[in-house]
PDB file of all heavy atoms in Angstrom:
ATOM      1  N   SER A   1      -5.560  11.892  27.751  1.00  0.00           N
ATOM      2  CA  SER A   1      -5.545  11.863  26.295  1.00  0.00           C
ATOM      3  C   SER A   1      -5.799  10.456  25.755  1.00  0.00           C
ATOM      4  O   SER A   1      -6.100  10.272  24.591  1.00  0.00           O
ATOM      5  CB  SER A   1      -4.216  12.386  25.756  1.00  0.00           C
ATOM      6  OG  SER A   1      -3.174  11.494  26.090  1.00  0.00           O
ATOM      7  N   GLY A   2      -5.649   9.431  26.644  1.00  0.00           N
ATOM      8  CA  GLY A   2      -5.922   8.058  26.223  1.00  0.00           C
ATOM      9  C   GLY A   2      -4.998   7.618  25.107  1.00  0.00           C
ATOM     10  O   GLY A   2      -3.838   8.004  25.054  1.00  0.00           O
ATOM     11  N   SER A   3      -5.523   6.826  24.192  1.00  0.00           N
ATOM     12  CA  SER A   3      -4.678   6.289  23.118  1.00  0.00           C
ATOM     13  C   SER A   3      -4.938   6.962  21.785  1.00  0.00           C
ATOM     14  O   SER A   3      -4.347   6.611  20.790  1.00  0.00           O
ATOM     15  CB  SER A   3      -4.930   4.774  22.977  1.00  0.00           C
ATOM     16  OG  SER A   3      -6.281   4.553  22.661  1.00  0.00           O
ATOM     17  N   HIS A   4      -5.864   7.960  21.747  1.00  0.00           N
ATOM     18  CA  HIS A   4      -6.167   8.560  20.458  1.00  0.00           C
ATOM     19  C   HIS A   4      -5.051   9.506  20.023  1.00  0.00           C
ATOM     20  O   HIS A   4      -4.313  10.026  20.831  1.00  0.00           O
ATOM     21  CB  HIS A   4      -7.505   9.312  20.502  1.00  0.00           C
ATOM     22  CG  HIS A   4      -7.473  10.537  21.370  1.00  0.00           C
ATOM     23  ND1 HIS A   4      -7.624  10.485  22.746  1.00  0.00           N
ATOM     24  CD2 HIS A   4      -7.296  11.843  21.062  1.00  0.00           C
ATOM     25  CE1 HIS A   4      -7.551  11.698  23.239  1.00  0.00           C
ATOM     26  NE2 HIS A   4      -7.344  12.544  22.253  1.00  0.00           N
ATOM     27  N   ARG A   5      -4.958   9.737  18.704  1.00  0.00           N
ATOM     28  CA  ARG A   5      -3.907  10.581  18.147  1.00  0.00           C
ATOM     29  C   ARG A   5      -4.405  12.012  18.106  1.00  0.00           C
ATOM     30  O   ARG A   5      -5.175  12.398  17.247  1.00  0.00           O
ATOM     31  CB  ARG A   5      -3.561  10.133  16.719  1.00  0.00           C
ATOM     32  CG  ARG A   5      -3.319   8.663  16.550  1.00  0.00           C
ATOM     33  CD  ARG A   5      -2.055   8.202  17.257  1.00  0.00           C
ATOM     34  NE  ARG A   5      -0.871   8.820  16.701  1.00  0.00           N
ATOM     35  CZ  ARG A   5      -0.238   8.348  15.625  1.00  0.00           C
ATOM     36  NH1 ARG A   5      -0.696   7.311  14.986  1.00  0.00           N
ATOM     37  NH2 ARG A   5       0.840   8.941  15.172  1.00  0.00           N
ATOM     38  N   ASP A   6      -3.991  12.841  19.065  1.00  0.00           N
ATOM     39  CA  ASP A   6      -4.450  14.227  19.085  1.00  0.00           C
ATOM     40  C   ASP A   6      -3.367  15.144  18.540  1.00  0.00           C
ATOM     41  O   ASP A   6      -2.327  14.704  18.058  1.00  0.00           O
ATOM     42  CB  ASP A   6      -4.865  14.658  20.502  1.00  0.00           C
ATOM     43  CG  ASP A   6      -3.747  14.417  21.523  1.00  0.00           C
ATOM     44  OD1 ASP A   6      -2.602  14.184  21.086  1.00  0.00           O
ATOM     45  OD2 ASP A   6      -4.020  14.474  22.729  1.00  0.00           O
ATOM     46  N   VAL A   7      -3.624  16.451  18.603  1.00  0.00           N
ATOM     47  CA  VAL A   7      -2.675  17.420  18.033  1.00  0.00           C
ATOM     48  C   VAL A   7      -1.341  17.341  18.739  1.00  0.00           C
ATOM     49  O   VAL A   7      -0.277  17.392  18.121  1.00  0.00           O
ATOM     50  CB  VAL A   7      -3.249  18.846  18.126  1.00  0.00           C
ATOM     51  CG1 VAL A   7      -2.197  19.859  17.691  1.00  0.00           C
ATOM     52  CG2 VAL A   7      -4.490  18.977  17.260  1.00  0.00           C
ATOM     53  N   GLU A   8      -1.375  17.184  20.073  1.00  0.00           N
ATOM     54  CA  GLU A   8      -0.127  17.113  20.838  1.00  0.00           C
ATOM     55  C   GLU A   8       0.712  15.931  20.380  1.00  0.00           C
ATOM     56  O   GLU A   8       1.931  16.016  20.232  1.00  0.00           O
ATOM     57  CB  GLU A   8      -0.459  16.990  22.322  1.00  0.00           C
ATOM     58  CG  GLU A   8       0.785  16.958  23.221  1.00  0.00           C
ATOM     59  CD  GLU A   8       0.425  16.861  24.691  1.00  0.00           C
ATOM     60  OE1 GLU A   8      -0.736  17.158  25.031  1.00  0.00           O
ATOM     61  OE2 GLU A   8       1.297  16.479  25.479  1.00  0.00           O
ATOM     62  N   ASP A   9       0.038  14.801  20.110  1.00  0.00           N
ATOM     63  CA  ASP A   9       0.727  13.602  19.647  1.00  0.00           C
ATOM     64  C   ASP A   9       1.350  13.851  18.281  1.00  0.00           C
ATOM     65  O   ASP A   9       2.472  13.439  18.001  1.00  0.00           O
ATOM     66  CB  ASP A   9      -0.276  12.447  19.582  1.00  0.00           C
ATOM     67  CG  ASP A   9       0.400  11.129  19.252  1.00  0.00           C
ATOM     68  OD1 ASP A   9       1.463  10.871  19.827  1.00  0.00           O
ATOM     69  OD2 ASP A   9      -0.130  10.371  18.437  1.00  0.00           O
ATOM     70  N   GLU A  10       0.612  14.558  17.418  1.00  0.00           N
ATOM     71  CA  GLU A  10       1.121  14.859  16.080  1.00  0.00           C
ATOM     72  C   GLU A  10       2.394  15.684  16.152  1.00  0.00           C
ATOM     73  O   GLU A  10       3.334  15.480  15.400  1.00  0.00           O
ATOM     74  CB  GLU A  10       0.058  15.611  15.273  1.00  0.00           C
ATOM     75  CG  GLU A  10       0.534  15.947  13.869  1.00  0.00           C
ATOM     76  CD  GLU A  10      -0.403  16.903  13.157  1.00  0.00           C
ATOM     77  OE1 GLU A  10      -1.616  16.816  13.363  1.00  0.00           O
ATOM     78  OE2 GLU A  10       0.116  17.744  12.412  1.00  0.00           O
ATOM     79  N   GLU A  11       2.441  16.620  17.103  1.00  0.00           N
ATOM     80  CA  GLU A  11       3.617  17.474  17.231  1.00  0.00           C
ATOM     81  C   GLU A  11       4.853  16.677  17.608  1.00  0.00           C
ATOM     82  O   GLU A  11       5.975  17.101  17.357  1.00  0.00           O
ATOM     83  CB  GLU A  11       3.369  18.546  18.302  1.00  0.00           C
ATOM     84  CG  GLU A  11       2.358  19.595  17.892  1.00  0.00           C
ATOM     85  CD  GLU A  11       2.138  20.618  18.991  1.00  0.00           C
ATOM     86  OE1 GLU A  11       2.704  20.428  20.077  1.00  0.00           O
ATOM     87  OE2 GLU A  11       1.403  21.580  18.759  1.00  0.00           O
ATOM     88  N   LEU A  12       4.674  15.502  18.220  1.00  0.00           N
ATOM     89  CA  LEU A  12       5.802  14.731  18.729  1.00  0.00           C
ATOM     90  C   LEU A  12       6.178  13.547  17.848  1.00  0.00           C
ATOM     91  O   LEU A  12       7.174  12.889  18.105  1.00  0.00           O
ATOM     92  CB  LEU A  12       5.480  14.221  20.139  1.00  0.00           C
ATOM     93  CG  LEU A  12       5.175  15.296  21.183  1.00  0.00           C
ATOM     94  CD1 LEU A  12       4.733  14.647  22.481  1.00  0.00           C
ATOM     95  CD2 LEU A  12       6.383  16.186  21.416  1.00  0.00           C
ATOM     96  N   THR A  13       5.393  13.264  16.806  1.00  0.00           N
ATOM     97  CA  THR A  13       5.687  12.088  15.984  1.00  0.00           C
ATOM     98  C   THR A  13       6.086  12.423  14.554  1.00  0.00           C
ATOM     99  O   THR A  13       6.552  11.559  13.828  1.00  0.00           O
ATOM    100  CB  THR A  13       4.461  11.144  15.924  1.00  0.00           C
ATOM    101  OG1 THR A  13       3.327  11.879  15.443  1.00  0.00           O
ATOM    102  CG2 THR A  13       4.135  10.568  17.291  1.00  0.00           C
ATOM    103  N   ARG A  14       5.906  13.687  14.136  1.00  0.00           N
ATOM    104  CA  ARG A  14       6.191  14.063  12.748  1.00  0.00           C
ATOM    105  C   ARG A  14       7.485  14.870  12.707  1.00  0.00           C
ATOM    106  O   ARG A  14       7.629  15.857  13.422  1.00  0.00           O
ATOM    107  CB  ARG A  14       5.028  14.901  12.207  1.00  0.00           C
ATOM    108  CG  ARG A  14       4.797  14.729  10.719  1.00  0.00           C
ATOM    109  CD  ARG A  14       3.411  15.219  10.336  1.00  0.00           C
ATOM    110  NE  ARG A  14       3.202  16.618  10.641  1.00  0.00           N
ATOM    111  CZ  ARG A  14       3.105  17.578   9.737  1.00  0.00           C
ATOM    112  NH1 ARG A  14       3.214  17.295   8.463  1.00  0.00           N
ATOM    113  NH2 ARG A  14       2.875  18.819  10.101  1.00  0.00           N
ATOM    114  N   ILE A  15       8.450  14.446  11.882  1.00  0.00           N
ATOM    115  CA  ILE A  15       9.701  15.191  11.757  1.00  0.00           C
ATOM    116  C   ILE A  15       9.830  15.776  10.350  1.00  0.00           C
ATOM    117  O   ILE A  15       9.229  15.281   9.394  1.00  0.00           O
ATOM    118  CB  ILE A  15      10.935  14.328  12.112  1.00  0.00           C
ATOM    119  CG1 ILE A  15      11.157  13.214  11.069  1.00  0.00           C
ATOM    120  CG2 ILE A  15      10.801  13.735  13.501  1.00  0.00           C
ATOM    121  CD1 ILE A  15      12.464  12.462  11.254  1.00  0.00           C
ATOM    122  N   PHE A  16      10.611  16.834  10.271  1.00  0.00           N
ATOM    123  CA  PHE A  16      10.810  17.593   9.030  1.00  0.00           C
ATOM    124  C   PHE A  16      12.282  17.481   8.675  1.00  0.00           C
ATOM    125  O   PHE A  16      13.149  17.719   9.532  1.00  0.00           O
ATOM    126  CB  PHE A  16      10.418  19.044   9.302  1.00  0.00           C
ATOM    127  CG  PHE A  16      10.277  19.895   8.065  1.00  0.00           C
ATOM    128  CD1 PHE A  16       9.268  19.673   7.156  1.00  0.00           C
ATOM    129  CD2 PHE A  16      11.149  20.957   7.845  1.00  0.00           C
ATOM    130  CE1 PHE A  16       9.111  20.481   6.034  1.00  0.00           C
ATOM    131  CE2 PHE A  16      11.009  21.779   6.733  1.00  0.00           C
ATOM    132  CZ  PHE A  16       9.984  21.537   5.827  1.00  0.00           C
ATOM    133  N   VAL A  17      12.604  17.097   7.455  1.00  0.00           N
ATOM    134  CA  VAL A  17      13.993  16.844   7.086  1.00  0.00           C
ATOM    135  C   VAL A  17      14.356  17.501   5.750  1.00  0.00           C
ATOM    136  O   VAL A  17      13.504  17.725   4.900  1.00  0.00           O
ATOM    137  CB  VAL A  17      14.287  15.328   6.998  1.00  0.00           C
ATOM    138  CG1 VAL A  17      14.159  14.674   8.354  1.00  0.00           C
ATOM    139  CG2 VAL A  17      13.360  14.639   6.003  1.00  0.00           C
ATOM    140  N   MET A  18      15.642  17.797   5.605  1.00  0.00           N
ATOM    141  CA  MET A  18      16.187  18.324   4.356  1.00  0.00           C
ATOM    142  C   MET A  18      16.827  17.154   3.612  1.00  0.00           C
ATOM    143  O   MET A  18      17.629  16.419   4.188  1.00  0.00           O
ATOM    144  CB  MET A  18      17.220  19.406   4.673  1.00  0.00           C
ATOM    145  CG  MET A  18      17.776  20.109   3.459  1.00  0.00           C
ATOM    146  SD  MET A  18      18.978  21.396   3.908  1.00  0.00           S
ATOM    147  CE  MET A  18      17.902  22.695   4.470  1.00  0.00           C
ATOM    148  N   ILE A  19      16.451  16.968   2.353  1.00  0.00           N
ATOM    149  CA  ILE A  19      16.901  15.802   1.592  1.00  0.00           C
ATOM    150  C   ILE A  19      17.378  16.219   0.202  1.00  0.00           C
ATOM    151  O   ILE A  19      17.015  17.294  -0.289  1.00  0.00           O
ATOM    152  CB  ILE A  19      15.758  14.771   1.437  1.00  0.00           C
ATOM    153  CG1 ILE A  19      14.518  15.444   0.806  1.00  0.00           C
ATOM    154  CG2 ILE A  19      15.413  14.134   2.767  1.00  0.00           C
ATOM    155  CD1 ILE A  19      13.367  14.502   0.523  1.00  0.00           C
ATOM    156  N   PRO A  20      18.179  15.374  -0.460  1.00  0.00           N
ATOM    157  CA  PRO A  20      18.527  15.663  -1.856  1.00  0.00           C
ATOM    158  C   PRO A  20      17.264  15.674  -2.716  1.00  0.00           C
ATOM    159  O   PRO A  20      16.327  14.911  -2.473  1.00  0.00           O
ATOM    160  CB  PRO A  20      19.449  14.492  -2.232  1.00  0.00           C
ATOM    161  CG  PRO A  20      20.001  14.004  -0.934  1.00  0.00           C
ATOM    162  CD  PRO A  20      18.897  14.202   0.071  1.00  0.00           C
ATOM    163  N   LYS A  21      17.245  16.505  -3.736  1.00  0.00           N
ATOM    164  CA  LYS A  21      16.048  16.622  -4.575  1.00  0.00           C
ATOM    165  C   LYS A  21      15.776  15.368  -5.401  1.00  0.00           C
ATOM    166  O   LYS A  21      14.684  15.196  -5.935  1.00  0.00           O
ATOM    167  CB  LYS A  21      16.181  17.846  -5.499  1.00  0.00           C
ATOM    168  CG  LYS A  21      16.095  19.164  -4.742  1.00  0.00           C
ATOM    169  CD  LYS A  21      16.126  20.344  -5.688  1.00  0.00           C
ATOM    170  CE  LYS A  21      15.986  21.650  -4.928  1.00  0.00           C
ATOM    171  NZ  LYS A  21      15.999  22.824  -5.808  1.00  0.00           N
ATOM    172  N   SER A  22      16.751  14.484  -5.477  1.00  0.00           N
ATOM    173  CA  SER A  22      16.572  13.253  -6.246  1.00  0.00           C
ATOM    174  C   SER A  22      15.814  12.190  -5.437  1.00  0.00           C
ATOM    175  O   SER A  22      15.391  11.181  -5.985  1.00  0.00           O
ATOM    176  CB  SER A  22      17.933  12.691  -6.659  1.00  0.00           C
ATOM    177  OG  SER A  22      18.733  12.434  -5.508  1.00  0.00           O
ATOM    178  N   TYR A  23      15.639  12.398  -4.138  1.00  0.00           N
ATOM    179  CA  TYR A  23      15.003  11.398  -3.278  1.00  0.00           C
ATOM    180  C   TYR A  23      13.538  11.171  -3.651  1.00  0.00           C
ATOM    181  O   TYR A  23      12.801  12.121  -3.924  1.00  0.00           O
ATOM    182  CB  TYR A  23      15.053  11.836  -1.819  1.00  0.00           C
ATOM    183  CG  TYR A  23      16.233  11.307  -1.034  1.00  0.00           C
ATOM    184  CD1 TYR A  23      17.473  11.137  -1.644  1.00  0.00           C
ATOM    185  CD2 TYR A  23      16.113  10.987   0.314  1.00  0.00           C
ATOM    186  CE1 TYR A  23      18.560  10.667  -0.916  1.00  0.00           C
ATOM    187  CE2 TYR A  23      17.194  10.522   1.045  1.00  0.00           C
ATOM    188  CZ  TYR A  23      18.421  10.356   0.426  1.00  0.00           C
ATOM    189  OH  TYR A  23      19.493   9.898   1.141  1.00  0.00           O
ATOM    190  N   THR A  24      13.128   9.902  -3.626  1.00  0.00           N
ATOM    191  CA  THR A  24      11.717   9.548  -3.730  1.00  0.00           C
ATOM    192  C   THR A  24      11.207   9.258  -2.320  1.00  0.00           C
ATOM    193  O   THR A  24      11.993   9.180  -1.371  1.00  0.00           O
ATOM    194  CB  THR A  24      11.528   8.291  -4.590  1.00  0.00           C
ATOM    195  OG1 THR A  24      12.175   7.180  -3.929  1.00  0.00           O
ATOM    196  CG2 THR A  24      12.131   8.478  -5.973  1.00  0.00           C
ATOM    197  N   GLU A  25       9.890   9.094  -2.177  1.00  0.00           N
ATOM    198  CA  GLU A  25       9.328   8.762  -0.861  1.00  0.00           C
ATOM    199  C   GLU A  25       9.876   7.426  -0.372  1.00  0.00           C
ATOM    200  O   GLU A  25      10.076   7.224   0.823  1.00  0.00           O
ATOM    201  CB  GLU A  25       7.802   8.742  -0.934  1.00  0.00           C
ATOM    202  CG  GLU A  25       7.206  10.132  -1.113  1.00  0.00           C
ATOM    203  CD  GLU A  25       5.687  10.135  -1.133  1.00  0.00           C
ATOM    204  OE1 GLU A  25       5.086   9.056  -0.969  1.00  0.00           O
ATOM    205  OE2 GLU A  25       5.110  11.230  -1.314  1.00  0.00           O
ATOM    206  N   GLU A  26      10.137   6.517  -1.296  1.00  0.00           N
ATOM    207  CA  GLU A  26      10.694   5.216  -0.926  1.00  0.00           C
ATOM    208  C   GLU A  26      12.119   5.372  -0.397  1.00  0.00           C
ATOM    209  O   GLU A  26      12.517   4.704   0.573  1.00  0.00           O
ATOM    210  CB  GLU A  26      10.676   4.271  -2.128  1.00  0.00           C
ATOM    211  CG  GLU A  26      10.972   2.812  -1.776  1.00  0.00           C
ATOM    212  CD  GLU A  26      10.050   2.260  -0.699  1.00  0.00           C
ATOM    213  OE1 GLU A  26       8.824   2.515  -0.737  1.00  0.00           O
ATOM    214  OE2 GLU A  26      10.578   1.559   0.192  1.00  0.00           O
ATOM    215  N   ASP A  27      12.903   6.261  -1.016  1.00  0.00           N
ATOM    216  CA  ASP A  27      14.256   6.541  -0.525  1.00  0.00           C
ATOM    217  C   ASP A  27      14.192   7.095   0.894  1.00  0.00           C
ATOM    218  O   ASP A  27      14.989   6.722   1.763  1.00  0.00           O
ATOM    219  CB  ASP A  27      14.967   7.558  -1.431  1.00  0.00           C
ATOM    220  CG  ASP A  27      15.248   7.014  -2.815  1.00  0.00           C
ATOM    221  OD1 ASP A  27      15.471   5.789  -2.936  1.00  0.00           O
ATOM    222  OD2 ASP A  27      15.251   7.806  -3.772  1.00  0.00           O
ATOM    223  N   LEU A  28      13.256   8.013   1.109  1.00  0.00           N
ATOM    224  CA  LEU A  28      13.099   8.649   2.422  1.00  0.00           C
ATOM    225  C   LEU A  28      12.721   7.612   3.475  1.00  0.00           C
ATOM    226  O   LEU A  28      13.289   7.583   4.576  1.00  0.00           O
ATOM    227  CB  LEU A  28      12.030   9.735   2.330  1.00  0.00           C
ATOM    228  CG  LEU A  28      11.822  10.632   3.553  1.00  0.00           C
ATOM    229  CD1 LEU A  28      13.111  11.315   3.964  1.00  0.00           C
ATOM    230  CD2 LEU A  28      10.747  11.673   3.256  1.00  0.00           C
ATOM    231  N   ARG A  29      11.787   6.735   3.125  1.00  0.00           N
ATOM    232  CA  ARG A  29      11.363   5.678   4.055  1.00  0.00           C
ATOM    233  C   ARG A  29      12.533   4.740   4.377  1.00  0.00           C
ATOM    234  O   ARG A  29      12.735   4.347   5.536  1.00  0.00           O
ATOM    235  CB  ARG A  29      10.206   4.886   3.450  1.00  0.00           C
ATOM    236  CG  ARG A  29       9.666   3.788   4.351  1.00  0.00           C
ATOM    237  CD  ARG A  29       8.523   3.035   3.661  1.00  0.00           C
ATOM    238  NE  ARG A  29       7.361   3.878   3.519  1.00  0.00           N
ATOM    239  CZ  ARG A  29       6.415   3.995   4.446  1.00  0.00           C
ATOM    240  NH1 ARG A  29       6.517   3.328   5.587  1.00  0.00           N
ATOM    241  NH2 ARG A  29       5.368   4.767   4.229  1.00  0.00           N
ATOM    242  N   GLU A  30      13.305   4.422   3.354  1.00  0.00           N
ATOM    243  CA  GLU A  30      14.435   3.505   3.531  1.00  0.00           C
ATOM    244  C   GLU A  30      15.469   4.077   4.497  1.00  0.00           C
ATOM    245  O   GLU A  30      16.042   3.348   5.315  1.00  0.00           O
ATOM    246  CB  GLU A  30      15.077   3.237   2.160  1.00  0.00           C
ATOM    247  CG  GLU A  30      16.086   2.103   2.144  1.00  0.00           C
ATOM    248  CD  GLU A  30      15.451   0.736   2.428  1.00  0.00           C
ATOM    249  OE1 GLU A  30      14.259   0.531   2.119  1.00  0.00           O
ATOM    250  OE2 GLU A  30      16.180  -0.122   2.974  1.00  0.00           O
ATOM    251  N   LYS A  31      15.702   5.387   4.409  1.00  0.00           N
ATOM    252  CA  LYS A  31      16.697   6.046   5.263  1.00  0.00           C
ATOM    253  C   LYS A  31      16.255   6.132   6.722  1.00  0.00           C
ATOM    254  O   LYS A  31      17.085   6.126   7.632  1.00  0.00           O
ATOM    255  CB  LYS A  31      16.979   7.462   4.752  1.00  0.00           C
ATOM    256  CG  LYS A  31      17.840   7.522   3.509  1.00  0.00           C
ATOM    257  CD  LYS A  31      19.283   7.133   3.822  1.00  0.00           C
ATOM    258  CE  LYS A  31      20.168   7.287   2.584  1.00  0.00           C
ATOM    259  NZ  LYS A  31      21.559   6.867   2.879  1.00  0.00           N
ATOM    260  N   PHE A  32      14.939   6.235   6.958  1.00  0.00           N
ATOM    261  CA  PHE A  32      14.465   6.505   8.316  1.00  0.00           C
ATOM    262  C   PHE A  32      13.723   5.343   8.980  1.00  0.00           C
ATOM    263  O   PHE A  32      13.345   5.450  10.145  1.00  0.00           O
ATOM    264  CB  PHE A  32      13.575   7.764   8.311  1.00  0.00           C
ATOM    265  CG  PHE A  32      14.362   9.033   8.222  1.00  0.00           C
ATOM    266  CD1 PHE A  32      14.724   9.558   6.990  1.00  0.00           C
ATOM    267  CD2 PHE A  32      14.775   9.703   9.369  1.00  0.00           C
ATOM    268  CE1 PHE A  32      15.479  10.727   6.903  1.00  0.00           C
ATOM    269  CE2 PHE A  32      15.522  10.862   9.292  1.00  0.00           C
ATOM    270  CZ  PHE A  32      15.879  11.381   8.063  1.00  0.00           C
ATOM    271  N   LYS A  33      13.545   4.222   8.269  1.00  0.00           N
ATOM    272  CA  LYS A  33      12.795   3.108   8.863  1.00  0.00           C
ATOM    273  C   LYS A  33      13.566   2.429   9.989  1.00  0.00           C
ATOM    274  O   LYS A  33      12.961   1.749  10.831  1.00  0.00           O
ATOM    275  CB  LYS A  33      12.422   2.097   7.786  1.00  0.00           C
ATOM    276  CG  LYS A  33      13.601   1.317   7.204  1.00  0.00           C
ATOM    277  CD  LYS A  33      13.120   0.329   6.144  1.00  0.00           C
ATOM    278  CE  LYS A  33      14.275  -0.504   5.606  1.00  0.00           C
ATOM    279  NZ  LYS A  33      13.824  -1.453   4.570  1.00  0.00           N
ATOM    280  N   MET A  34      14.886   2.613  10.047  1.00  0.00           N
ATOM    281  CA  MET A  34      15.680   1.967  11.097  1.00  0.00           C
ATOM    282  C   MET A  34      15.387   2.532  12.490  1.00  0.00           C
ATOM    283  O   MET A  34      15.723   1.920  13.498  1.00  0.00           O
ATOM    284  CB  MET A  34      17.170   2.116  10.780  1.00  0.00           C
ATOM    285  CG  MET A  34      17.703   3.529  10.894  1.00  0.00           C
ATOM    286  SD  MET A  34      19.467   3.645  10.495  1.00  0.00           S
ATOM    287  CE  MET A  34      19.424   3.456   8.722  1.00  0.00           C
ATOM    288  N   TYR A  35      14.751   3.705  12.546  1.00  0.00           N
ATOM    289  CA  TYR A  35      14.520   4.337  13.848  1.00  0.00           C
ATOM    290  C   TYR A  35      13.148   4.007  14.437  1.00  0.00           C
ATOM    291  O   TYR A  35      12.881   4.342  15.586  1.00  0.00           O
ATOM    292  CB  TYR A  35      14.665   5.858  13.729  1.00  0.00           C
ATOM    293  CG  TYR A  35      15.979   6.253  13.101  1.00  0.00           C
ATOM    294  CD1 TYR A  35      16.012   6.879  11.855  1.00  0.00           C
ATOM    295  CD2 TYR A  35      17.186   5.960  13.720  1.00  0.00           C
ATOM    296  CE1 TYR A  35      17.227   7.219  11.255  1.00  0.00           C
ATOM    297  CE2 TYR A  35      18.395   6.286  13.123  1.00  0.00           C
ATOM    298  CZ  TYR A  35      18.406   6.913  11.888  1.00  0.00           C
ATOM    299  OH  TYR A  35      19.596   7.241  11.300  1.00  0.00           O
ATOM    300  N   GLY A  36      12.273   3.368  13.659  1.00  0.00           N
ATOM    301  CA  GLY A  36      10.969   2.997  14.193  1.00  0.00           C
ATOM    302  C   GLY A  36       9.946   2.760  13.098  1.00  0.00           C
ATOM    303  O   GLY A  36      10.251   2.796  11.902  1.00  0.00           O
TER     304      GLY A  36
END
């Protein structure tokens, strides 16, 4: 697969989360940036 981003890679790098409806994308980034 080399270094390119294929479908298999996408399945392992994208997560789905439940958040308060008041959250902005910046809030979401702030909460999860500590992990990578």
